[in-house]
Protein backbone atom coordinates (compact mmCIF):
# COMPACT_ATOMS: atom_id res chain seq x y z
CA MET A 1 -50.66 60.77 -98.02
CA PHE A 2 -52.37 58.32 -100.03
CA ASN A 3 -50.29 55.78 -101.80
CA THR A 4 -52.04 54.66 -105.15
CA ASN A 5 -49.32 51.89 -105.82
CA LYS A 6 -50.19 50.39 -102.27
CA PHE A 7 -53.88 50.94 -102.73
CA ILE A 8 -53.38 48.69 -105.98
CA GLU A 9 -51.29 46.27 -104.36
CA ARG A 10 -53.94 45.42 -101.77
CA GLN A 11 -56.43 45.38 -104.86
CA ASP A 12 -54.24 42.38 -106.17
CA TYR A 13 -54.53 40.65 -103.23
CA GLU A 14 -58.29 41.15 -103.09
CA LEU A 15 -58.44 40.34 -106.64
CA ALA A 16 -56.37 36.92 -105.79
CA GLU A 17 -58.52 35.91 -102.99
CA GLU A 18 -61.67 36.31 -105.03
CA CYS A 19 -60.32 34.37 -108.07
CA TRP A 20 -59.14 31.74 -106.11
CA LYS A 21 -62.44 31.30 -104.68
CA ALA A 22 -64.14 31.16 -107.80
CA ILE A 23 -61.94 28.83 -108.88
CA GLU A 24 -62.45 26.78 -106.08
CA THR A 25 -66.23 26.79 -106.62
CA LEU A 26 -65.55 25.82 -110.53
CA LEU A 27 -63.57 22.94 -109.12
CA ILE A 28 -66.25 21.87 -106.48
CA ASP A 29 -69.01 22.36 -109.27
CA LEU A 30 -67.05 20.31 -111.58
CA ALA A 31 -66.35 17.25 -108.81
CA LYS A 32 -70.31 17.06 -108.14
CA GLY A 33 -71.11 17.03 -111.65
CA ASN A 34 -72.70 20.36 -111.67
CA LYS A 35 -70.80 21.70 -114.45
CA PRO A 36 -69.66 20.23 -117.93
CA GLU A 37 -66.16 19.05 -117.99
CA ASP A 38 -65.90 20.32 -121.56
CA LYS A 39 -66.73 23.66 -120.51
CA SER A 40 -63.94 23.66 -117.59
CA TYR A 41 -61.13 25.15 -119.67
CA SER A 42 -63.04 27.97 -121.15
CA GLU A 43 -64.37 28.77 -117.62
CA LEU A 44 -60.93 28.54 -115.96
CA MET A 45 -59.43 30.56 -118.72
CA HIS A 46 -62.26 32.98 -118.22
CA LEU A 47 -61.63 33.10 -114.35
CA GLU A 48 -57.83 33.39 -114.64
CA GLY A 49 -58.11 35.78 -117.77
CA ILE A 50 -59.85 38.36 -115.51
CA PHE A 51 -56.80 38.32 -112.88
CA LEU A 52 -54.35 38.41 -115.53
CA ASP A 53 -56.38 41.53 -116.90
CA LEU A 54 -57.02 43.55 -113.99
CA THR A 55 -53.39 42.91 -112.81
CA ASP A 56 -51.44 43.95 -115.71
CA ARG A 57 -50.59 47.81 -115.13
CA THR A 58 -49.68 48.06 -118.77
CA GLN A 59 -52.91 47.30 -119.68
CA ALA A 60 -51.56 45.37 -122.65
CA HIS A 61 -53.39 41.94 -121.80
CA PRO A 62 -56.40 41.42 -123.74
CA ARG A 63 -59.62 42.80 -122.17
CA VAL A 64 -61.73 39.86 -120.45
CA PRO A 65 -65.45 40.56 -120.07
CA PHE A 66 -66.95 40.57 -116.59
CA GLY A 67 -69.57 41.97 -114.37
CA THR A 68 -69.55 43.93 -111.51
CA GLU A 69 -71.79 44.91 -108.30
CA GLU A 70 -71.83 47.01 -105.72
CA ARG A 71 -69.55 46.28 -103.02
CA GLY A 72 -71.58 47.76 -100.17
CA GLY A 73 -70.15 47.83 -96.45
CA PHE A 74 -69.98 50.37 -94.05
CA PHE A 75 -67.41 52.62 -95.90
CA LYS A 76 -69.25 52.72 -99.21
CA ASN A 77 -70.29 56.14 -99.76
CA PHE A 78 -66.85 57.33 -98.41
CA VAL A 79 -64.79 55.47 -100.79
CA LYS A 80 -67.20 56.53 -103.76
CA ASP A 81 -66.50 60.24 -102.50
CA LEU A 82 -62.79 59.51 -102.80
CA GLY A 83 -63.37 58.67 -106.45
CA PHE A 84 -62.48 55.17 -106.27
CA GLY A 85 -66.01 53.79 -106.92
CA ASN A 86 -67.19 51.00 -104.98
CA ARG A 87 -67.62 48.10 -107.23
CA LYS A 88 -66.18 44.68 -107.26
CA VAL A 89 -65.92 41.95 -109.51
CA VAL A 90 -68.48 39.28 -110.26
CA TRP A 91 -66.33 36.03 -110.87
CA LYS A 92 -68.99 34.11 -112.98
CA PHE A 93 -68.43 32.90 -116.64
CA THR A 94 -69.86 34.88 -119.53
CA GLU A 95 -70.57 33.15 -122.82
CA MET A 96 -69.10 36.51 -123.88
CA PHE A 97 -65.87 35.25 -123.27
CA LYS A 98 -64.53 33.22 -126.33
CA VAL A 99 -61.60 31.27 -125.50
CA ASP A 100 -60.05 31.03 -129.16
CA LYS A 101 -60.52 34.74 -129.52
CA TYR A 102 -58.44 35.65 -126.25
CA VAL A 103 -55.91 33.19 -126.93
CA GLU A 104 -55.13 34.34 -130.29
CA GLU A 105 -54.72 38.30 -129.26
CA ASN A 106 -51.86 40.17 -128.30
CA TRP A 107 -51.02 39.81 -124.78
CA PHE A 108 -47.79 41.86 -124.35
CA VAL A 109 -46.93 45.58 -124.18
CA SER A 110 -45.43 47.07 -127.12
CA THR A 111 -42.32 47.80 -125.34
CA LEU A 112 -41.64 44.10 -125.50
CA GLU A 113 -40.93 43.85 -129.26
CA MET A 114 -38.06 45.92 -128.88
CA ASP A 115 -36.28 43.04 -127.11
CA ASN A 116 -36.32 39.56 -128.90
CA MET A 117 -35.08 37.72 -126.16
CA TYR A 118 -37.96 38.74 -123.63
CA PHE A 119 -40.45 38.83 -126.26
CA ASP A 120 -39.53 35.07 -127.31
CA GLU A 121 -39.73 34.07 -123.39
CA MET A 122 -43.03 35.78 -122.97
CA THR A 123 -44.27 34.07 -126.52
CA LYS A 124 -43.09 30.81 -124.86
CA ALA A 125 -44.86 31.32 -121.47
CA LYS A 126 -48.28 32.29 -122.99
CA ASP A 127 -48.12 29.29 -125.43
CA LEU A 128 -46.84 26.70 -122.42
CA TYR A 129 -49.82 28.63 -120.29
CA VAL A 130 -52.35 28.06 -122.95
CA SER A 131 -51.46 24.31 -123.40
CA ARG A 132 -51.98 24.09 -119.67
CA ARG A 133 -48.06 22.90 -119.36
CA ILE A 134 -47.64 25.94 -116.80
CA ASN A 135 -50.10 27.39 -114.65
CA PHE A 136 -51.41 30.66 -114.92
CA LEU A 137 -49.45 32.08 -111.72
CA GLU A 138 -46.39 30.71 -113.50
CA TYR A 139 -47.35 33.00 -116.41
CA PHE A 140 -47.83 35.57 -114.26
CA PHE A 141 -44.61 35.79 -112.35
CA LYS A 142 -43.00 35.25 -115.72
CA ARG A 143 -44.83 38.31 -117.20
CA LEU A 144 -43.98 40.38 -113.70
CA ASP A 145 -40.18 39.58 -113.93
CA VAL A 146 -40.10 40.24 -117.59
CA TYR A 147 -41.89 43.75 -117.21
CA ASN A 148 -39.85 44.51 -114.34
CA SER A 149 -36.49 43.93 -116.73
CA ILE A 150 -37.44 45.76 -119.65
CA GLU A 151 -39.01 48.76 -117.14
CA ALA A 152 -42.03 48.76 -119.21
CA SER A 153 -43.52 52.47 -118.19
CA LYS A 154 -46.80 52.01 -116.74
CA HIS A 155 -45.55 48.89 -115.09
CA HIS A 156 -42.75 50.23 -113.63
CA LYS A 157 -44.83 53.48 -112.14
CA TYR A 158 -47.72 51.28 -110.82
CA TYR A 159 -44.77 49.05 -108.81
CA LYS A 160 -42.83 51.64 -107.75
CA ASN A 161 -42.12 50.96 -104.00
CA VAL A 162 -43.83 47.57 -103.82
CA ASP A 163 -41.48 44.97 -102.57
CA ILE A 164 -41.78 42.79 -105.35
CA ASN A 165 -40.66 39.61 -103.64
CA LYS A 166 -42.91 40.26 -100.66
CA TYR A 167 -45.81 40.76 -103.31
CA LYS A 168 -44.94 37.56 -105.11
CA ASP A 169 -44.92 35.61 -101.67
CA LYS A 170 -48.30 37.12 -100.92
CA ILE A 171 -49.73 36.14 -104.24
CA LYS A 172 -48.29 32.40 -103.91
CA ASN A 173 -49.74 32.23 -100.47
CA ILE A 174 -53.21 33.15 -101.60
CA PHE A 175 -53.11 30.47 -104.69
CA LYS A 176 -51.00 27.62 -102.61
CA ASP A 177 -53.88 24.80 -102.48
CA MET A 178 -54.93 25.65 -106.10
CA PRO A 179 -54.59 22.44 -108.19
CA SER A 180 -53.38 23.28 -112.08
CA MET A 181 -55.40 21.99 -114.97
CA THR A 182 -52.55 19.78 -117.08
CA LYS A 183 -54.61 19.64 -120.07
CA GLU A 184 -58.02 20.53 -120.89
CA GLY A 185 -60.49 19.43 -118.46
CA ASP A 186 -57.83 17.71 -116.18
CA PHE A 187 -56.42 18.81 -113.05
CA ASP A 188 -53.58 17.96 -111.12
CA ILE A 189 -54.92 18.23 -107.27
């Protein structure tokens, strides 16, 4: 029997690996002078935002524009026939992404508004992330923990039977060498 949650879990690992590769490419381009530093905050927020958007089971995170392309490969038609499509994310910055608008949008599931303590925690986590005082993984894990605590329905449904600690460890391992942008344009490597 097909387990949707395990499929989505594996998809998150793939997204994490692709996101890390895109961030690594951005860092290399910045180091070589191929990208202007004044654009680094927007581009990094865009890449991280794609990951945060696509891994939010509640679908409350703001939509982040991105392209897709055919995945190809040996099983491409088989996967399509199963109804999963066969597209993959194109991890490239688009001018359609407006970081100021993105930051101003609501990032939280409406269930969170019923609990002031958790709402305040998430608001603080968002503010710390946007100001680069915490990195996006710290924000991601805080969201994961809070949504687990409040048992947000869609979140709970799609993480059922997923070992959260194992999941977190695998995501941490994928991003283990990622430097943090400590403030706009500066990286802690």
